[in-house]
Amino acid sequence: MGLGFAVKSIGTKYWMPGDNYLELILEAVRGVVKDGDIIVISEKALSMAKGLIIDEREVKPGLLAKFLARFWMRTVWGYFLGRICRLKPQNIERLRNYPLKEGAAHKQVALWHAGLLGALLWGSEGGIDASNLPYSYVSLPLDNPAETALEIHLFLRKRLSKWVTVMIVDTDKTYSFRRFHFTHRPRPLRGIHTFFGAFAYIIGRSLRLKRRSTPLAVAGLRLDAESALELAEAAHRERGSGAGLTVWDMAKSFSVELTDVTWNMLKGLRHKPIVVFSPMDQTEKN
């Protein structure tokens, strides 16, 4: 990968709300990690285990949310912004047929948790994610990624007697212009700037800036933003996208409607929420 690390993804069961994520991580990396390794963990899996999910079937949307679903998504994104941002034709067609009932409920959740600028994005508004979740559930971003990364780092240090670095990442993209890095995601790693909600995405995509998965927190090692971004993107490539990049892709992979994916369907998949980077010695590099 160009950073002098060997990379290995680790499969686990599907993490459910209420799962003990510390024990799940410990069991996954026991016998695998050594001193100096970097463990990259998916924010989505941690949010699930922490129960940071919302059932949008229980959400009553307001007028603004309905407007966003009917006009902003179907017309503005479907006919203008989708092309400006160079979305795939398949996704543009999906946006032109954006579901009104479910979409309005989703936009209401986005307004609550990401604000108006975040809700203007076509997906992953403010780190809210519906992919790889069942029915009408969405996951929310972690309130304090740095605190969670430190908790995992200290737990593994105590239980394994090894010094490993813990990084939490999200697949939402950070865009880079030379050494300036920005994202629509809230609470990214220091050195990455949160920039005007949906407009960060529009600027980054329309200008074809370099984009990589977003590191949210690192515990156990000081990493500059550029190195963290390289690791985050390498982890994403190694991990893959689970049941699909979008909620549409997920439903298509199971041959069901958008809100008909079940817990059992997702449990049947092999999930890879953890990626381990191990420094290579000079012999291995050569």
Protein backbone atom coordinates (compact mmCIF):
# COMPACT_ATOMS: atom_id res chain seq x y z
CA MET A 1 0.00 0.00 0.00
CA GLY A 2 3.05 2.28 -0.02
CA LEU A 3 3.16 3.03 3.72
CA GLY A 4 5.31 0.09 4.80
CA PHE A 5 2.52 -1.97 6.34
CA ALA A 6 1.09 -5.41 5.78
CA VAL A 7 -2.71 -5.21 5.87
CA LYS A 8 -5.23 -7.81 6.98
CA SER A 9 -9.02 -7.54 7.35
CA ILE A 10 -10.67 -9.53 10.13
CA GLY A 11 -14.12 -10.98 9.74
CA THR A 12 -16.57 -11.08 12.64
CA LYS A 13 -20.23 -11.66 13.23
CA TYR A 14 -22.65 -8.82 12.53
CA TRP A 15 -22.50 -6.41 15.47
CA MET A 16 -25.90 -5.91 17.08
CA PRO A 17 -27.17 -3.16 19.40
CA GLY A 18 -26.04 -3.91 22.93
CA ASP A 19 -23.07 -6.09 21.90
CA ASN A 20 -19.93 -5.68 23.98
CA TYR A 21 -17.72 -4.15 21.32
CA LEU A 22 -14.64 -4.27 23.54
CA GLU A 23 -14.88 -8.05 23.90
CA LEU A 24 -15.73 -8.46 20.21
CA ILE A 25 -12.61 -6.52 19.21
CA LEU A 26 -10.47 -8.40 21.74
CA GLU A 27 -11.61 -11.79 20.44
CA ALA A 28 -11.06 -10.71 16.83
CA VAL A 29 -7.49 -9.48 17.25
CA ARG A 30 -6.23 -11.88 19.93
CA GLY A 31 -3.32 -13.82 18.49
CA VAL A 32 -3.23 -11.52 15.44
CA VAL A 33 -1.84 -8.21 16.63
CA LYS A 34 1.59 -7.40 18.00
CA ASP A 35 3.25 -4.33 19.48
CA GLY A 36 3.25 -1.45 17.01
CA ASP A 37 0.25 -2.59 14.97
CA ILE A 38 -2.53 -0.19 13.97
CA ILE A 39 -6.11 -1.42 14.34
CA VAL A 40 -8.65 0.39 12.15
CA ILE A 41 -12.28 -0.03 13.22
CA SER A 42 -15.46 0.92 11.38
CA GLU A 43 -17.48 3.65 13.06
CA LYS A 44 -20.68 2.00 11.78
CA ALA A 45 -19.99 -1.19 13.74
CA LEU A 46 -19.29 0.78 16.91
CA SER A 47 -22.42 2.91 16.48
CA MET A 48 -24.47 -0.26 16.08
CA ALA A 49 -23.05 -1.87 19.20
CA LYS A 50 -23.61 1.35 21.16
CA GLY A 51 -27.24 1.41 20.03
CA LEU A 52 -26.90 4.70 18.15
CA ILE A 53 -29.65 3.81 15.70
CA ILE A 54 -33.06 5.26 14.86
CA ASP A 55 -36.08 3.51 13.39
CA GLU A 56 -37.33 6.01 10.82
CA ARG A 57 -40.72 4.30 10.66
CA GLU A 58 -41.47 6.07 13.94
CA VAL A 59 -40.50 9.52 12.62
CA LYS A 60 -43.14 12.04 11.57
CA PRO A 61 -41.64 14.39 8.97
CA GLY A 62 -42.35 18.11 8.87
CA LEU A 63 -43.00 20.30 5.84
CA LEU A 64 -39.32 21.07 5.23
CA ALA A 65 -38.41 17.37 5.26
CA LYS A 66 -41.21 16.64 2.79
CA PHE A 67 -39.99 19.46 0.55
CA LEU A 68 -36.45 18.09 0.60
CA ALA A 69 -37.66 14.61 -0.32
CA ARG A 70 -40.03 15.68 -3.08
CA PHE A 71 -38.26 18.62 -4.73
CA TRP A 72 -34.66 18.87 -3.54
CA MET A 73 -33.82 15.20 -3.95
CA ARG A 74 -35.91 14.34 -7.00
CA THR A 75 -35.33 17.54 -9.00
CA VAL A 76 -32.22 19.37 -7.75
CA TRP A 77 -30.12 16.26 -7.16
CA GLY A 78 -31.82 14.15 -9.79
CA TYR A 79 -31.37 16.61 -12.65
CA PHE A 80 -28.65 19.07 -11.65
CA LEU A 81 -26.38 18.31 -8.71
CA GLY A 82 -26.16 14.61 -9.50
CA ARG A 83 -24.60 15.42 -12.86
CA ILE A 84 -22.39 18.17 -11.45
CA CYS A 85 -21.08 15.71 -8.86
CA ARG A 86 -20.62 13.01 -11.52
CA LEU A 87 -22.82 10.43 -9.81
CA LYS A 88 -23.34 7.15 -11.57
CA PRO A 89 -26.33 7.16 -13.95
CA GLN A 90 -27.92 4.43 -11.83
CA ASN A 91 -27.78 6.61 -8.72
CA ILE A 92 -29.12 9.64 -10.61
CA GLU A 93 -32.09 7.58 -11.73
CA ARG A 94 -32.64 6.44 -8.13
CA LEU A 95 -32.63 10.05 -6.96
CA ARG A 96 -35.23 11.01 -9.58
CA ASN A 97 -37.45 8.36 -8.03
CA TYR A 98 -36.52 9.15 -4.42
CA PRO A 99 -39.09 7.51 -2.10
CA LEU A 100 -41.35 10.21 -0.73
CA LYS A 101 -42.65 8.65 2.49
CA GLU A 102 -39.44 6.95 3.64
CA GLY A 103 -37.32 9.75 2.21
CA ALA A 104 -39.18 12.46 4.11
CA ALA A 105 -38.74 10.58 7.38
CA HIS A 106 -35.03 10.21 6.62
CA LYS A 107 -34.68 13.90 5.84
CA GLN A 108 -36.39 14.74 9.12
CA VAL A 109 -33.77 12.70 10.98
CA ALA A 110 -31.07 14.46 8.96
CA LEU A 111 -32.47 17.87 9.89
CA TRP A 112 -32.46 16.90 13.57
CA HIS A 113 -28.93 15.54 13.65
CA ALA A 114 -27.08 17.21 10.77
CA GLY A 115 -28.88 20.54 10.37
CA LEU A 116 -30.10 22.05 7.12
CA LEU A 117 -26.70 22.19 5.41
CA GLY A 118 -26.14 18.53 6.18
CA ALA A 119 -29.65 17.50 5.16
CA LEU A 120 -29.08 18.98 1.69
CA LEU A 121 -26.73 16.11 0.89
CA TRP A 122 -28.18 13.18 -1.05
CA GLY A 123 -26.92 10.56 1.41
CA SER A 124 -24.78 10.05 4.54
CA GLU A 125 -26.02 13.37 5.85
CA GLY A 126 -23.74 14.37 8.72
CA GLY A 127 -22.52 10.79 9.07
CA ILE A 128 -26.02 9.28 9.21
CA ASP A 129 -25.96 5.95 7.41
CA ALA A 130 -28.67 3.56 6.22
CA SER A 131 -26.53 1.00 4.42
CA ASN A 132 -25.97 -2.40 6.05
CA LEU A 133 -28.88 -1.84 8.42
CA PRO A 134 -32.29 -3.56 8.28
CA TYR A 135 -35.79 -2.21 7.69
CA SER A 136 -35.91 1.58 8.18
CA TYR A 137 -33.05 1.85 10.64
CA VAL A 138 -30.20 4.34 10.28
CA SER A 139 -27.08 4.72 12.38
CA LEU A 140 -25.87 7.98 13.89
CA PRO A 141 -22.22 9.05 14.14
CA LEU A 142 -20.35 8.59 17.40
CA ASP A 143 -20.70 11.47 19.82
CA ASN A 144 -17.02 11.33 20.84
CA PRO A 145 -14.85 9.16 18.55
CA ALA A 146 -11.65 10.17 20.37
CA GLU A 147 -13.01 8.94 23.68
CA THR A 148 -14.07 5.62 22.18
CA ALA A 149 -10.70 5.11 20.44
CA LEU A 150 -8.86 5.74 23.71
CA GLU A 151 -11.17 3.35 25.57
CA ILE A 152 -10.42 0.56 23.08
CA HIS A 153 -6.69 1.31 23.10
CA LEU A 154 -6.47 1.11 26.90
CA PHE A 155 -8.63 -2.02 27.03
CA LEU A 156 -6.46 -3.88 24.54
CA ARG A 157 -3.30 -2.72 26.26
CA LYS A 158 -4.57 -4.13 29.56
CA ARG A 159 -5.94 -7.41 28.22
CA LEU A 160 -3.26 -8.20 25.62
CA SER A 161 -0.26 -6.48 27.22
CA LYS A 162 0.50 -4.97 23.83
CA TRP A 163 0.78 -1.40 22.62
CA VAL A 164 -1.46 -1.06 19.59
CA THR A 165 -2.81 2.06 17.96
CA VAL A 166 -6.56 2.31 17.46
CA MET A 167 -8.10 4.34 14.64
CA ILE A 168 -11.83 4.82 14.04
CA VAL A 169 -12.84 5.59 10.46
CA ASP A 170 -15.91 6.31 8.36
CA THR A 171 -16.32 5.60 4.64
CA ASP A 172 -17.72 9.12 4.05
CA LYS A 173 -15.08 10.95 2.09
CA THR A 174 -12.57 13.61 2.91
CA TYR A 175 -11.42 15.74 -0.03
CA SER A 176 -7.90 17.06 -0.36
CA PHE A 177 -6.57 20.10 -2.18
CA ARG A 178 -2.81 19.86 -1.78
CA ARG A 179 -2.39 19.75 2.01
CA PHE A 180 -5.84 21.12 2.85
CA HIS A 181 -8.33 18.41 3.80
CA PHE A 182 -12.07 18.93 4.23
CA THR A 183 -15.22 16.84 4.66
CA HIS A 184 -18.95 17.14 5.29
CA ARG A 185 -18.53 14.76 8.23
CA PRO A 186 -18.80 16.18 11.75
CA ARG A 187 -15.99 15.57 14.24
CA PRO A 188 -13.20 14.31 11.94
CA LEU A 189 -9.60 13.84 13.00
CA ARG A 190 -7.66 16.98 13.84
CA GLY A 191 -6.20 18.46 10.68
CA ILE A 192 -9.34 17.69 8.66
CA HIS A 193 -11.87 20.51 8.41
CA THR A 194 -15.64 20.16 8.51
CA PHE A 195 -16.80 22.37 5.67
CA PHE A 196 -20.34 23.63 4.98
CA GLY A 197 -22.22 20.33 5.02
CA ALA A 198 -23.39 19.25 1.56
CA PHE A 199 -21.27 21.91 -0.12
CA ALA A 200 -18.06 20.11 0.89
CA TYR A 201 -19.29 17.09 -1.05
CA ILE A 202 -20.40 19.16 -4.05
CA ILE A 203 -17.09 21.05 -4.22
CA GLY A 204 -14.97 17.95 -3.75
CA ARG A 205 -16.84 15.86 -6.32
CA SER A 206 -17.36 18.55 -8.95
CA LEU A 207 -13.67 19.56 -8.89
CA ARG A 208 -12.58 15.90 -8.88
CA LEU A 209 -10.43 16.41 -5.81
CA LYS A 210 -8.64 13.45 -4.28
CA ARG A 211 -11.06 11.66 -1.96
CA ARG A 212 -10.43 9.18 0.79
CA SER A 213 -12.28 7.64 3.71
CA THR A 214 -12.36 9.83 6.79
CA PRO A 215 -10.36 9.08 9.95
CA LEU A 216 -12.25 10.24 13.02
CA ALA A 217 -9.89 9.52 15.90
CA VAL A 218 -6.54 7.91 16.70
CA ALA A 219 -5.34 6.67 20.10
CA GLY A 220 -1.88 5.30 20.86
CA LEU A 221 0.14 7.13 18.21
CA ARG A 222 0.43 10.64 16.83
CA LEU A 223 -0.52 10.59 13.15
CA ASP A 224 -0.71 13.55 10.82
CA ALA A 225 -3.88 13.92 8.77
CA GLU A 226 -2.26 12.80 5.49
CA SER A 227 -0.95 9.53 6.96
CA ALA A 228 -4.26 8.86 8.69
CA LEU A 229 -6.16 9.44 5.43
CA GLU A 230 -3.92 6.98 3.58
CA LEU A 231 -4.52 4.33 6.24
CA ALA A 232 -8.27 4.99 6.32
CA GLU A 233 -8.60 4.59 2.55
CA ALA A 234 -6.42 1.48 2.49
CA ALA A 235 -8.62 -0.01 5.22
CA HIS A 236 -11.73 0.76 3.17
CA ARG A 237 -10.29 -0.97 0.10
CA GLU A 238 -9.36 -3.99 2.17
CA ARG A 239 -12.68 -4.19 3.98
CA GLY A 240 -15.05 -3.75 1.07
CA SER A 241 -18.60 -2.41 1.29
CA GLY A 242 -20.53 -5.20 3.01
CA ALA A 243 -23.99 -5.61 1.53
CA GLY A 244 -23.56 -2.53 -0.69
CA LEU A 245 -22.38 1.06 -0.91
CA THR A 246 -25.90 2.50 -0.68
CA VAL A 247 -29.23 1.39 0.75
CA TRP A 248 -30.35 0.76 -2.85
CA ASP A 249 -27.37 -1.51 -3.48
CA MET A 250 -28.04 -3.36 -0.24
CA ALA A 251 -31.69 -4.00 -1.12
CA LYS A 252 -30.69 -5.08 -4.62
CA SER A 253 -28.13 -7.57 -3.29
CA PHE A 254 -30.88 -9.26 -1.28
CA SER A 255 -33.52 -8.87 -4.04
CA VAL A 256 -35.95 -7.05 -1.73
CA GLU A 257 -37.52 -3.61 -1.41
CA LEU A 258 -35.65 -0.77 0.31
CA THR A 259 -37.10 -1.36 3.77
CA ASP A 260 -37.42 -5.16 3.60
CA VAL A 261 -33.86 -6.14 4.52
CA THR A 262 -33.97 -8.13 7.77
CA TRP A 263 -31.60 -8.66 10.67
CA ASN A 264 -31.19 -12.31 9.65
CA MET A 265 -30.18 -11.34 6.11
CA LEU A 266 -27.43 -9.12 7.45
CA LYS A 267 -26.34 -11.67 10.05
CA GLY A 268 -25.78 -14.13 7.23
CA LEU A 269 -23.03 -11.99 5.72
CA ARG A 270 -19.38 -12.07 6.66
CA HIS A 271 -18.54 -8.67 8.09
CA LYS A 272 -15.11 -7.08 8.25
CA PRO A 273 -15.30 -4.18 10.69
CA ILE A 274 -11.62 -4.45 11.68
CA VAL A 275 -8.47 -4.04 9.61
CA VAL A 276 -4.99 -4.53 11.08
CA PHE A 277 -1.88 -2.81 9.74
CA SER A 278 1.42 -4.39 10.77
CA PRO A 279 4.72 -2.54 10.13
CA MET A 280 6.99 -4.47 7.76
CA ASP A 281 10.71 -4.73 8.42
CA GLN A 282 13.16 -3.81 5.69
CA THR A 283 13.47 -7.41 4.52
CA GLU A 284 9.71 -7.68 3.97
CA LYS A 285 9.64 -4.35 2.12
CA ASN A 286 12.27 -5.57 -0.31
